[in-house]
Each structure stands twice: as C-alpha cells, then as structure tokens.
Amino acid sequence: MTKPTTVLKCVGPKLVPFFKTCTIFFVLFADTPASETSAPWFFCIIKCLPIISLILFVLLNGMNITEYYRYSRRVLIGLIFSCIGDACLVWKKKYFELGIGCFAVAQVCYSRAFGWKPLNLYAGAVFGVLGALVYYFLSAGLNGIMVYLVAAYVGVICTMAWRGTARIPTFNFFDDRVTWTQMSGCFGAIVFVISDLTLAVDKFLFPLPYAHPIIMVTYYAAQFGIALSVVDSQNDAVVAKSIRDQRRREGETEQTNGHVSNCETNGCSQSFIDKDNSLIQRNLTTDVCA
C-alpha cells in the first residue's frame, strides 16, 4: 500500500485549496447553519468551494476515457452531484427533496466506483440491519413524500458504505493487500454515514447540540477521503487487468493442452501478480507525484 506520508507529500500541494476553503467556511459559518444566514448566496458559494476544490483535485490527478480512470470518473461525477446537492440544501424549504436526490445519485456513483468485488455479504448484512434500524427510528418524524425519499436514500447510502468497507478484509487496514484507494474510500464511506445520520436525526427527530459543525466537519472529511482514494486507483486498475489477462491466458492454455497443473497455475499467477506489484512499487512515487 502507498504510505500515507508518500501520498501527502506528493499530492499535498493539490489539496491546499481544499484546506484553505474549508478553513474559510468554518471561520465564517462554523456556528451559522444555512437557515440562519442573512446572505444565502454567499453562504452557498463558500459552502461549495471545498467540494469544487476536490473536483479540481480529481481532475489534476489525471482523467481520460480509458478503463484505468473509470474509478476517477465515477468519483468525479459523485462530487459534481454532491456540489449541486450542497447548493440545494442551502434553501431547504424549496429544494430539500432535490438535494436528497442529488446526493442519492452521488452515493450511487461512489458505489459503482467502489465496485462489487469482493461481494462481502457479511458487511452488506451489517449495513442492511443498521439501515433498517435507522429508518425505523427516523420514520417517527417523517411524513408525505419524505417517507419514501428517506427510505430510498438510506438504502443507497448503506449500499455505498457496504461497498466502501467490503474491500477491507476484516477491517484490517494494516494488511499488505489493502491499497490506498481501499483504505481512503472506506474511511470516506463510514464518515459519510455519520454525517448524514447526524443531519437526519437533527432534522427529523430532535435538535442535536453542535449539529451544524459536526455535520460539516464529517461531510468534508468524507468527501476528502473519497476524493483522495483516486490517488492509487489507476495502479489498482492495472493490477486487476493484469490478473484478468493472466487468467484468460491460463484458460486458453488449458483448452490447448487439455489440462494444466494446479500448482503450476497458482505459481504462475502469483509470479505474475508479484511482478506487476513490483513494477508498480518501482514507479509509484513518479505516478503519484505526476
């Protein structure tokens, strides 16, 4: 896995706008939710600037239409819809439902970026139960169309959290097989759930002390984690493609020769994977700092 110090050293300058805009937001509006501001347009601009900074960060990290950047493209689309959702939630009375819809699309994009392998049904069951319990308690404060919108949103954000955590084996962040993409994405997914849960309880059930700063700190931290996960995503895609290509070649060899020894197959696969990982490690600093 790419060391955090390596990542921060290489991509740190690209993240300066994010940290600066977050600082500006909390200096100006740490204790002022959107509903209490006298300048909603100014609040909206300052609130969206950190997410716009993350959009630029993802673009600066590299972007094209090849399969190696599929993860980055989906995260980018998720950030764009999140930014639109942020703007909608400034005017909650008019656009709250639209804001929920935008964030739901963002969660779907993040889920697709995280992918469906490994499936990890245990993690899915855990988040499914947690989502059902959360919705059960929130339902007491819901009425009208919000009954259905909140149910749908709980479903998509729990799916996103499931996919974000499913790739970490037994939540062991120190496993050598865990990549920076997986670790950072998992962090962002979990913190996103905390942020939205705080917002939902404060809005639909009862006021929470310091709800606004808690929601915004966890929200920006979640988006930061998910955006930062693009750093290693191209390397992950290279390794995954190499493994698929090797397995396809092994399958073709089996069809040609009739059979291939399991020991030989496993040894060849491991050798190929090790070779790919070695190549990536040798060029890691150059790729991340590019």
C-alpha atoms as a PDB file:
ATOM      1  CA  MET A   1       0.000   0.000   0.000  1.00  0.00           C
ATOM      2  CA  THR A   2       1.190   3.534  -0.726  1.00  0.00           C
ATOM      3  CA  LYS A   3       2.405   5.074   2.508  1.00  0.00           C
ATOM      4  CA  PRO A   4       0.253   7.996   3.758  1.00  0.00           C
ATOM      5  CA  THR A   5       3.380  10.154   4.075  1.00  0.00           C
ATOM      6  CA  THR A   6       4.212   9.477   0.418  1.00  0.00           C
ATOM      7  CA  VAL A   7       0.715  10.362  -0.715  1.00  0.00           C
ATOM      8  CA  LEU A   8       0.507  13.548   1.345  1.00  0.00           C
ATOM      9  CA  LYS A   9       3.971  14.647   0.276  1.00  0.00           C
ATOM     10  CA  CYS A  10       3.201  14.174  -3.398  1.00  0.00           C
ATOM     11  CA  VAL A  11      -0.412  15.364  -3.631  1.00  0.00           C
ATOM     12  CA  GLY A  12      -0.338  17.817  -0.718  1.00  0.00           C
ATOM     13  CA  PRO A  13       0.076  20.928  -2.918  1.00  0.00           C
ATOM     14  CA  LYS A  14      -3.021  19.937  -4.932  1.00  0.00           C
ATOM     15  CA  LEU A  15      -5.028  19.772  -1.684  1.00  0.00           C
ATOM     16  CA  VAL A  16      -4.082  23.242  -0.426  1.00  0.00           C
ATOM     17  CA  PRO A  17      -7.207  24.860  -1.997  1.00  0.00           C
ATOM     18  CA  PHE A  18      -9.431  22.328  -0.213  1.00  0.00           C
ATOM     19  CA  PHE A  19      -7.928  23.009   3.202  1.00  0.00           C
ATOM     20  CA  LYS A  20      -7.991  26.770   2.652  1.00  0.00           C
ATOM     21  CA  THR A  21     -11.623  26.830   1.544  1.00  0.00           C
ATOM     22  CA  CYS A  22     -12.621  24.579   4.476  1.00  0.00           C
ATOM     23  CA  THR A  23     -10.878  26.979   6.839  1.00  0.00           C
ATOM     24  CA  ILE A  24     -12.708  29.942   5.309  1.00  0.00           C
ATOM     25  CA  PHE A  25     -16.051  28.168   5.661  1.00  0.00           C
ATOM     26  CA  PHE A  26     -15.569  27.311   9.327  1.00  0.00           C
ATOM     27  CA  VAL A  27     -14.202  30.748  10.182  1.00  0.00           C
ATOM     28  CA  LEU A  28     -17.262  32.391   8.655  1.00  0.00           C
ATOM     29  CA  PHE A  29     -20.037  29.876   9.270  1.00  0.00           C
ATOM     30  CA  ALA A  30     -18.953  27.367  11.913  1.00  0.00           C
ATOM     31  CA  ASP A  31     -21.894  28.353  14.128  1.00  0.00           C
ATOM     32  CA  THR A  32     -24.267  29.538  11.414  1.00  0.00           C
ATOM     33  CA  PRO A  33     -26.396  26.981   9.545  1.00  0.00           C
ATOM     34  CA  ALA A  34     -27.873  27.939   6.188  1.00  0.00           C
ATOM     35  CA  SER A  35     -31.294  28.577   7.701  1.00  0.00           C
ATOM     36  CA  GLU A  36     -29.879  31.352   9.892  1.00  0.00           C
ATOM     37  CA  THR A  37     -27.681  33.170   7.403  1.00  0.00           C
ATOM     38  CA  SER A  38     -28.710  36.561   6.041  1.00  0.00           C
ATOM     39  CA  ALA A  39     -26.724  36.047   2.822  1.00  0.00           C
ATOM     40  CA  PRO A  40     -27.706  32.624   1.429  1.00  0.00           C
ATOM     41  CA  TRP A  41     -25.914  33.073  -1.909  1.00  0.00           C
ATOM     42  CA  PHE A  42     -22.647  33.948  -0.211  1.00  0.00           C
ATOM     43  CA  PHE A  43     -23.117  31.012   2.180  1.00  0.00           C
ATOM     44  CA  CYS A  44     -23.796  28.729  -0.800  1.00  0.00           C
ATOM     45  CA  ILE A  45     -20.618  29.775  -2.607  1.00  0.00           C
ATOM     46  CA  ILE A  46     -18.396  29.365   0.448  1.00  0.00           C
ATOM     47  CA  LYS A  47     -20.022  26.010   1.288  1.00  0.00           C
ATOM     48  CA  CYS A  48     -19.461  24.620  -2.211  1.00  0.00           C
ATOM     49  CA  LEU A  49     -15.868  25.806  -2.613  1.00  0.00           C
ATOM     50  CA  PRO A  50     -14.277  22.839  -0.740  1.00  0.00           C
ATOM     51  CA  ILE A  51     -16.124  20.351  -2.969  1.00  0.00           C
ATOM     52  CA  ILE A  52     -15.167  22.333  -6.073  1.00  0.00           C
ATOM     53  CA  SER A  53     -11.560  22.125  -4.840  1.00  0.00           C
ATOM     54  CA  LEU A  54     -11.871  18.330  -4.599  1.00  0.00           C
ATOM     55  CA  ILE A  55     -13.319  18.205  -8.119  1.00  0.00           C
ATOM     56  CA  LEU A  56     -10.229  20.054  -9.348  1.00  0.00           C
ATOM     57  CA  PHE A  57      -8.015  17.703  -7.325  1.00  0.00           C
ATOM     58  CA  VAL A  58      -9.522  14.648  -9.028  1.00  0.00           C
ATOM     59  CA  LEU A  59      -9.068  16.276 -12.433  1.00  0.00           C
ATOM     60  CA  LEU A  60      -5.454  17.197 -11.663  1.00  0.00           C
ATOM     61  CA  ASN A  61      -4.757  13.629 -10.591  1.00  0.00           C
ATOM     62  CA  GLY A  62      -5.456  12.539 -14.167  1.00  0.00           C
ATOM     63  CA  MET A  63      -8.541  11.905 -16.260  1.00  0.00           C
ATOM     64  CA  ASN A  64      -9.286  10.224 -19.579  1.00  0.00           C
ATOM     65  CA  ILE A  65     -11.781   7.783 -21.078  1.00  0.00           C
ATOM     66  CA  THR A  66      -9.719   4.603 -20.639  1.00  0.00           C
ATOM     67  CA  GLU A  67     -10.754   1.873 -18.214  1.00  0.00           C
ATOM     68  CA  TYR A  68      -7.873   2.774 -15.896  1.00  0.00           C
ATOM     69  CA  TYR A  69      -9.639   6.019 -14.992  1.00  0.00           C
ATOM     70  CA  ARG A  70     -13.107   4.543 -14.555  1.00  0.00           C
ATOM     71  CA  TYR A  71     -12.837   4.874 -10.773  1.00  0.00           C
ATOM     72  CA  SER A  72     -11.766   8.530 -11.010  1.00  0.00           C
ATOM     73  CA  ARG A  73     -14.577   9.374 -13.442  1.00  0.00           C
ATOM     74  CA  ARG A  74     -17.234   7.949 -11.141  1.00  0.00           C
ATOM     75  CA  VAL A  75     -15.844   9.746  -8.112  1.00  0.00           C
ATOM     76  CA  LEU A  76     -15.759  12.959 -10.154  1.00  0.00           C
ATOM     77  CA  ILE A  77     -19.428  12.607 -11.125  1.00  0.00           C
ATOM     78  CA  GLY A  78     -20.295  11.894  -7.492  1.00  0.00           C
ATOM     79  CA  LEU A  79     -18.533  15.068  -6.374  1.00  0.00           C
ATOM     80  CA  ILE A  80     -20.338  17.137  -9.001  1.00  0.00           C
ATOM     81  CA  PHE A  81     -23.744  15.893  -7.849  1.00  0.00           C
ATOM     82  CA  SER A  82     -22.704  16.437  -4.231  1.00  0.00           C
ATOM     83  CA  CYS A  83     -21.869  20.047  -5.053  1.00  0.00           C
ATOM     84  CA  ILE A  84     -25.297  20.535  -6.629  1.00  0.00           C
ATOM     85  CA  GLY A  85     -26.878  18.904  -3.573  1.00  0.00           C
ATOM     86  CA  ASP A  86     -24.949  21.266  -1.292  1.00  0.00           C
ATOM     87  CA  ALA A  87     -26.389  24.231  -3.130  1.00  0.00           C
ATOM     88  CA  CYS A  88     -29.926  22.834  -2.927  1.00  0.00           C
ATOM     89  CA  LEU A  89     -29.710  22.287   0.829  1.00  0.00           C
ATOM     90  CA  VAL A  90     -28.927  25.957   1.395  1.00  0.00           C
ATOM     91  CA  TRP A  91     -32.575  26.582   0.506  1.00  0.00           C
ATOM     92  CA  LYS A  92     -34.058  23.579   2.314  1.00  0.00           C
ATOM     93  CA  LYS A  93     -37.664  24.765   2.239  1.00  0.00           C
ATOM     94  CA  LYS A  94     -37.724  24.817  -1.569  1.00  0.00           C
ATOM     95  CA  TYR A  95     -35.120  22.319  -2.689  1.00  0.00           C
ATOM     96  CA  PHE A  96     -34.584  19.818   0.111  1.00  0.00           C
ATOM     97  CA  GLU A  97     -36.056  16.941  -1.896  1.00  0.00           C
ATOM     98  CA  LEU A  98     -33.934  17.850  -4.921  1.00  0.00           C
ATOM     99  CA  GLY A  99     -30.874  17.965  -2.658  1.00  0.00           C
ATOM    100  CA  ILE A 100     -31.606  14.464  -1.382  1.00  0.00           C
ATOM    101  CA  GLY A 101     -31.956  13.283  -4.976  1.00  0.00           C
ATOM    102  CA  CYS A 102     -28.590  14.760  -5.950  1.00  0.00           C
ATOM    103  CA  PHE A 103     -26.851  13.148  -3.010  1.00  0.00           C
ATOM    104  CA  ALA A 104     -28.555   9.842  -3.809  1.00  0.00           C
ATOM    105  CA  VAL A 105     -27.056   9.986  -7.319  1.00  0.00           C
ATOM    106  CA  ALA A 106     -23.659  10.784  -5.744  1.00  0.00           C
ATOM    107  CA  GLN A 107     -23.927   7.714  -3.493  1.00  0.00           C
ATOM    108  CA  VAL A 108     -24.748   5.535  -6.495  1.00  0.00           C
ATOM    109  CA  CYS A 109     -21.673   6.893  -8.305  1.00  0.00           C
ATOM    110  CA  TYR A 110     -19.461   6.166  -5.299  1.00  0.00           C
ATOM    111  CA  SER A 111     -20.910   2.656  -5.007  1.00  0.00           C
ATOM    112  CA  ARG A 112     -20.131   1.994  -8.664  1.00  0.00           C
ATOM    113  CA  ALA A 113     -16.620   3.343  -8.188  1.00  0.00           C
ATOM    114  CA  PHE A 114     -16.018   1.006  -5.233  1.00  0.00           C
ATOM    115  CA  GLY A 115     -17.260  -1.922  -7.315  1.00  0.00           C
ATOM    116  CA  TRP A 116     -18.872  -5.241  -6.401  1.00  0.00           C
ATOM    117  CA  LYS A 117     -15.846  -7.451  -5.806  1.00  0.00           C
ATOM    118  CA  PRO A 118     -15.321  -8.852  -3.279  1.00  0.00           C
ATOM    119  CA  LEU A 119     -19.032  -9.092  -2.539  1.00  0.00           C
ATOM    120  CA  ASN A 120     -18.602  -9.479   1.257  1.00  0.00           C
ATOM    121  CA  LEU A 121     -22.192 -10.333   2.150  1.00  0.00           C
ATOM    122  CA  TYR A 122     -21.375 -10.098   5.860  1.00  0.00           C
ATOM    123  CA  ALA A 123     -20.606  -6.373   5.546  1.00  0.00           C
ATOM    124  CA  GLY A 124     -23.744  -5.985   3.433  1.00  0.00           C
ATOM    125  CA  ALA A 125     -25.869  -7.645   6.120  1.00  0.00           C
ATOM    126  CA  VAL A 126     -24.401  -5.409   8.830  1.00  0.00           C
ATOM    127  CA  PHE A 127     -25.192  -2.208   6.945  1.00  0.00           C
ATOM    128  CA  GLY A 128     -28.578  -3.568   5.908  1.00  0.00           C
ATOM    129  CA  VAL A 129     -29.561  -4.114   9.545  1.00  0.00           C
ATOM    130  CA  LEU A 130     -28.157  -0.738  10.594  1.00  0.00           C
ATOM    131  CA  GLY A 131     -30.038   0.978   7.773  1.00  0.00           C
ATOM    132  CA  ALA A 132     -33.315  -0.708   8.741  1.00  0.00           C
ATOM    133  CA  LEU A 133     -32.877   0.341  12.383  1.00  0.00           C
ATOM    134  CA  VAL A 134     -32.037   3.925  11.451  1.00  0.00           C
ATOM    135  CA  TYR A 135     -35.058   4.188   9.167  1.00  0.00           C
ATOM    136  CA  TYR A 136     -37.293   2.677  11.842  1.00  0.00           C
ATOM    137  CA  PHE A 137     -36.327   5.414  14.309  1.00  0.00           C
ATOM    138  CA  LEU A 138     -36.438   8.194  11.691  1.00  0.00           C
ATOM    139  CA  SER A 139     -39.885   7.138  10.461  1.00  0.00           C
ATOM    140  CA  ALA A 140     -41.485   8.707  13.534  1.00  0.00           C
ATOM    141  CA  GLY A 141     -40.561  12.146  12.198  1.00  0.00           C
ATOM    142  CA  LEU A 142     -41.346  11.543   8.521  1.00  0.00           C
ATOM    143  CA  ASN A 143     -44.485  12.347   6.580  1.00  0.00           C
ATOM    144  CA  GLY A 144     -45.619  12.718   2.995  1.00  0.00           C
ATOM    145  CA  ILE A 145     -43.100  12.117   0.254  1.00  0.00           C
ATOM    146  CA  MET A 146     -40.233  12.157   2.759  1.00  0.00           C
ATOM    147  CA  VAL A 147     -41.281   8.686   3.918  1.00  0.00           C
ATOM    148  CA  TYR A 148     -40.239   7.310   0.543  1.00  0.00           C
ATOM    149  CA  LEU A 149     -37.327   9.645  -0.194  1.00  0.00           C
ATOM    150  CA  VAL A 150     -35.611   8.960   3.113  1.00  0.00           C
ATOM    151  CA  ALA A 151     -36.174   5.214   2.712  1.00  0.00           C
ATOM    152  CA  ALA A 152     -34.550   5.312  -0.731  1.00  0.00           C
ATOM    153  CA  TYR A 153     -31.669   7.458   0.487  1.00  0.00           C
ATOM    154  CA  VAL A 154     -30.984   5.212   3.477  1.00  0.00           C
ATOM    155  CA  GLY A 155     -30.834   2.321   1.037  1.00  0.00           C
ATOM    156  CA  VAL A 156     -28.325   3.938  -1.320  1.00  0.00           C
ATOM    157  CA  ILE A 157     -26.033   5.334   1.379  1.00  0.00           C
ATOM    158  CA  CYS A 158     -25.962   1.989   3.197  1.00  0.00           C
ATOM    159  CA  THR A 159     -25.106   0.333  -0.117  1.00  0.00           C
ATOM    160  CA  MET A 160     -22.307   2.869  -0.624  1.00  0.00           C
ATOM    161  CA  ALA A 161     -20.977   2.225   2.882  1.00  0.00           C
ATOM    162  CA  TRP A 162     -21.181  -1.537   2.291  1.00  0.00           C
ATOM    163  CA  ARG A 163     -19.200  -1.306  -0.927  1.00  0.00           C
ATOM    164  CA  GLY A 164     -16.695   1.092   0.612  1.00  0.00           C
ATOM    165  CA  THR A 165     -15.943  -1.224   3.528  1.00  0.00           C
ATOM    166  CA  ALA A 166     -16.351  -4.562   1.721  1.00  0.00           C
ATOM    167  CA  ARG A 167     -12.914  -4.291   0.148  1.00  0.00           C
ATOM    168  CA  ILE A 168     -11.086  -4.151   3.506  1.00  0.00           C
ATOM    169  CA  PRO A 169     -10.535  -7.749   4.733  1.00  0.00           C
ATOM    170  CA  THR A 170     -11.896  -7.910   8.312  1.00  0.00           C
ATOM    171  CA  PHE A 171     -11.275  -4.138   8.571  1.00  0.00           C
ATOM    172  CA  ASN A 172      -7.534  -4.806   8.794  1.00  0.00           C
ATOM    173  CA  PHE A 173      -6.054  -1.541   7.497  1.00  0.00           C
ATOM    174  CA  PHE A 174      -2.521  -2.844   8.026  1.00  0.00           C
ATOM    175  CA  ASP A 175      -2.918  -5.785   5.666  1.00  0.00           C
ATOM    176  CA  ASP A 176      -0.329  -5.563   2.864  1.00  0.00           C
ATOM    177  CA  ARG A 177      -3.062  -6.324   0.348  1.00  0.00           C
ATOM    178  CA  VAL A 178      -5.011  -3.178   1.286  1.00  0.00           C
ATOM    179  CA  THR A 179      -4.391  -0.340  -1.155  1.00  0.00           C
ATOM    180  CA  TRP A 180      -4.592   3.362  -0.504  1.00  0.00           C
ATOM    181  CA  THR A 181      -7.713   3.505  -2.689  1.00  0.00           C
ATOM    182  CA  GLN A 182      -9.471   0.957  -0.498  1.00  0.00           C
ATOM    183  CA  MET A 183      -8.396   2.445   2.831  1.00  0.00           C
ATOM    184  CA  SER A 184      -9.231   6.045   1.948  1.00  0.00           C
ATOM    185  CA  GLY A 185     -12.530   5.086   0.308  1.00  0.00           C
ATOM    186  CA  CYS A 186     -13.552   3.040   3.349  1.00  0.00           C
ATOM    187  CA  PHE A 187     -12.822   5.969   5.664  1.00  0.00           C
ATOM    188  CA  GLY A 188     -14.839   8.337   3.476  1.00  0.00           C
ATOM    189  CA  ALA A 189     -17.793   5.945   3.253  1.00  0.00           C
ATOM    190  CA  ILE A 190     -18.064   5.434   7.023  1.00  0.00           C
ATOM    191  CA  VAL A 191     -17.716   9.142   7.858  1.00  0.00           C
ATOM    192  CA  PHE A 192     -20.335  10.000   5.216  1.00  0.00           C
ATOM    193  CA  VAL A 193     -22.827   7.793   7.042  1.00  0.00           C
ATOM    194  CA  ILE A 194     -22.024   9.552  10.327  1.00  0.00           C
ATOM    195  CA  SER A 195     -22.545  12.961   8.725  1.00  0.00           C
ATOM    196  CA  ASP A 196     -25.885  12.098   7.135  1.00  0.00           C
ATOM    197  CA  LEU A 197     -27.119  10.300  10.249  1.00  0.00           C
ATOM    198  CA  THR A 198     -26.391  13.403  12.328  1.00  0.00           C
ATOM    199  CA  LEU A 199     -28.234  15.565   9.801  1.00  0.00           C
ATOM    200  CA  ALA A 200     -31.256  13.228   9.709  1.00  0.00           C
ATOM    201  CA  VAL A 201     -31.596  12.989  13.493  1.00  0.00           C
ATOM    202  CA  ASP A 202     -31.266  16.759  13.876  1.00  0.00           C
ATOM    203  CA  LYS A 203     -33.853  17.479  11.174  1.00  0.00           C
ATOM    204  CA  PHE A 204     -36.451  14.756  11.660  1.00  0.00           C
ATOM    205  CA  LEU A 205     -36.259  13.739  15.329  1.00  0.00           C
ATOM    206  CA  PHE A 206     -34.785  16.304  17.720  1.00  0.00           C
ATOM    207  CA  PRO A 207     -32.194  19.108  17.697  1.00  0.00           C
ATOM    208  CA  LEU A 208     -28.647  17.998  18.428  1.00  0.00           C
ATOM    209  CA  PRO A 209     -26.110  20.266  20.139  1.00  0.00           C
ATOM    210  CA  TYR A 210     -23.428  21.494  17.739  1.00  0.00           C
ATOM    211  CA  ALA A 211     -25.186  19.671  14.905  1.00  0.00           C
ATOM    212  CA  HIS A 212     -24.082  22.109  12.175  1.00  0.00           C
ATOM    213  CA  PRO A 213     -20.303  21.931  12.811  1.00  0.00           C
ATOM    214  CA  ILE A 214     -20.461  18.147  13.347  1.00  0.00           C
ATOM    215  CA  ILE A 215     -22.344  17.647  10.074  1.00  0.00           C
ATOM    216  CA  MET A 216     -19.990  19.844   8.062  1.00  0.00           C
ATOM    217  CA  VAL A 217     -16.743  18.526   9.570  1.00  0.00           C
ATOM    218  CA  THR A 218     -17.729  14.913   8.930  1.00  0.00           C
ATOM    219  CA  TYR A 219     -19.153  15.771   5.499  1.00  0.00           C
ATOM    220  CA  TYR A 220     -15.982  17.458   4.271  1.00  0.00           C
ATOM    221  CA  ALA A 221     -13.860  14.684   5.807  1.00  0.00           C
ATOM    222  CA  ALA A 222     -15.945  12.062   3.980  1.00  0.00           C
ATOM    223  CA  GLN A 223     -15.684  13.781   0.609  1.00  0.00           C
ATOM    224  CA  PHE A 224     -11.965  14.323   1.215  1.00  0.00           C
ATOM    225  CA  GLY A 225     -11.442  10.606   1.886  1.00  0.00           C
ATOM    226  CA  ILE A 226     -13.371   9.518  -1.190  1.00  0.00           C
ATOM    227  CA  ALA A 227     -11.648  12.071  -3.433  1.00  0.00           C
ATOM    228  CA  LEU A 228      -8.219  11.130  -2.078  1.00  0.00           C
ATOM    229  CA  SER A 229      -8.895   7.488  -2.912  1.00  0.00           C
ATOM    230  CA  VAL A 230      -8.353   8.234  -6.611  1.00  0.00           C
ATOM    231  CA  VAL A 231      -4.599   8.528  -5.966  1.00  0.00           C
ATOM    232  CA  ASP A 232      -3.885   4.782  -6.256  1.00  0.00           C
ATOM    233  CA  SER A 233      -6.900   3.857  -8.363  1.00  0.00           C
ATOM    234  CA  GLN A 234      -5.013   3.666 -11.680  1.00  0.00           C
ATOM    235  CA  ASN A 235      -2.459   1.277 -10.180  1.00  0.00           C
ATOM    236  CA  ASP A 236      -5.272  -0.874  -8.804  1.00  0.00           C
ATOM    237  CA  ALA A 237      -6.834  -0.983 -12.263  1.00  0.00           C
ATOM    238  CA  VAL A 238      -3.515  -2.028 -13.832  1.00  0.00           C
ATOM    239  CA  VAL A 239      -3.086  -4.906 -11.366  1.00  0.00           C
ATOM    240  CA  ALA A 240      -6.703  -6.038 -11.798  1.00  0.00           C
ATOM    241  CA  LYS A 241      -6.391  -6.032 -15.583  1.00  0.00           C
ATOM    242  CA  SER A 242      -3.096  -7.919 -15.393  1.00  0.00           C
ATOM    243  CA  ILE A 243      -4.684 -10.622 -13.243  1.00  0.00           C
ATOM    244  CA  ARG A 244      -7.654 -10.925 -15.615  1.00  0.00           C
ATOM    245  CA  ASP A 245      -5.361 -11.159 -18.643  1.00  0.00           C
ATOM    246  CA  GLN A 246      -3.218 -13.803 -16.946  1.00  0.00           C
ATOM    247  CA  ARG A 247      -6.248 -15.884 -16.011  1.00  0.00           C
ATOM    248  CA  ARG A 248      -7.537 -15.647 -19.570  1.00  0.00           C
ATOM    249  CA  ARG A 249      -4.178 -16.810 -20.925  1.00  0.00           C
ATOM    250  CA  GLU A 250      -4.173 -19.680 -18.445  1.00  0.00           C
ATOM    251  CA  GLY A 251      -7.662 -20.633 -19.590  1.00  0.00           C
ATOM    252  CA  GLU A 252      -6.545 -20.633 -23.199  1.00  0.00           C
ATOM    253  CA  THR A 253      -3.545 -22.781 -22.263  1.00  0.00           C
ATOM    254  CA  GLU A 254      -5.823 -25.282 -20.507  1.00  0.00           C
ATOM    255  CA  GLN A 255      -8.022 -25.513 -23.595  1.00  0.00           C
ATOM    256  CA  THR A 256      -4.992 -26.034 -25.822  1.00  0.00           C
ATOM    257  CA  ASN A 257      -3.120 -28.564 -23.707  1.00  0.00           C
ATOM    258  CA  GLY A 258      -6.086 -30.305 -22.160  1.00  0.00           C
ATOM    259  CA  HIS A 259      -5.063 -29.607 -18.598  1.00  0.00           C
ATOM    260  CA  VAL A 260      -2.618 -27.538 -16.542  1.00  0.00           C
ATOM    261  CA  SER A 261      -1.334 -28.487 -13.133  1.00  0.00           C
ATOM    262  CA  ASN A 262      -2.986 -26.504 -10.312  1.00  0.00           C
ATOM    263  CA  CYS A 263       0.398 -25.963  -8.700  1.00  0.00           C
ATOM    264  CA  GLU A 264       1.821 -24.599 -11.926  1.00  0.00           C
ATOM    265  CA  THR A 265      -1.196 -22.377 -12.451  1.00  0.00           C
ATOM    266  CA  ASN A 266      -1.095 -20.935  -8.939  1.00  0.00           C
ATOM    267  CA  GLY A 267       2.647 -20.410  -9.114  1.00  0.00           C
ATOM    268  CA  CYS A 268       2.383 -18.654 -12.467  1.00  0.00           C
ATOM    269  CA  SER A 269      -0.434 -16.401 -11.245  1.00  0.00           C
ATOM    270  CA  GLN A 270       1.431 -15.454  -8.095  1.00  0.00           C
ATOM    271  CA  SER A 271       4.623 -14.777 -10.060  1.00  0.00           C
ATOM    272  CA  PHE A 272       2.739 -12.573 -12.472  1.00  0.00           C
ATOM    273  CA  ILE A 273       0.996 -10.648  -9.682  1.00  0.00           C
ATOM    274  CA  ASP A 274       4.261 -10.178  -7.795  1.00  0.00           C
ATOM    275  CA  LYS A 275       5.906  -8.911 -10.979  1.00  0.00           C
ATOM    276  CA  ASP A 276       3.107  -6.374 -11.513  1.00  0.00           C
ATOM    277  CA  ASN A 277       3.204  -5.210  -7.899  1.00  0.00           C
ATOM    278  CA  SER A 278       6.984  -4.862  -8.088  1.00  0.00           C
ATOM    279  CA  LEU A 279       6.713  -2.764 -11.234  1.00  0.00           C
ATOM    280  CA  ILE A 280       4.070  -0.535  -9.669  1.00  0.00           C
ATOM    281  CA  GLN A 281       6.104  -0.071  -6.497  1.00  0.00           C
ATOM    282  CA  ARG A 282       9.165   0.980  -8.512  1.00  0.00           C
ATOM    283  CA  ASN A 283       7.151   3.629 -10.333  1.00  0.00           C
ATOM    284  CA  LEU A 284       4.777   4.535  -7.503  1.00  0.00           C
ATOM    285  CA  THR A 285       6.353   7.801  -6.424  1.00  0.00           C
ATOM    286  CA  THR A 286       6.549   9.025 -10.011  1.00  0.00           C
ATOM    287  CA  ASP A 287       2.898   8.119 -10.714  1.00  0.00           C
ATOM    288  CA  VAL A 288       1.508   9.696  -7.552  1.00  0.00           C
ATOM    289  CA  CYS A 289       3.557  12.869  -7.850  1.00  0.00           C
ATOM    290  CA  ALA A 290       2.834  13.356 -11.541  1.00  0.00           C
END
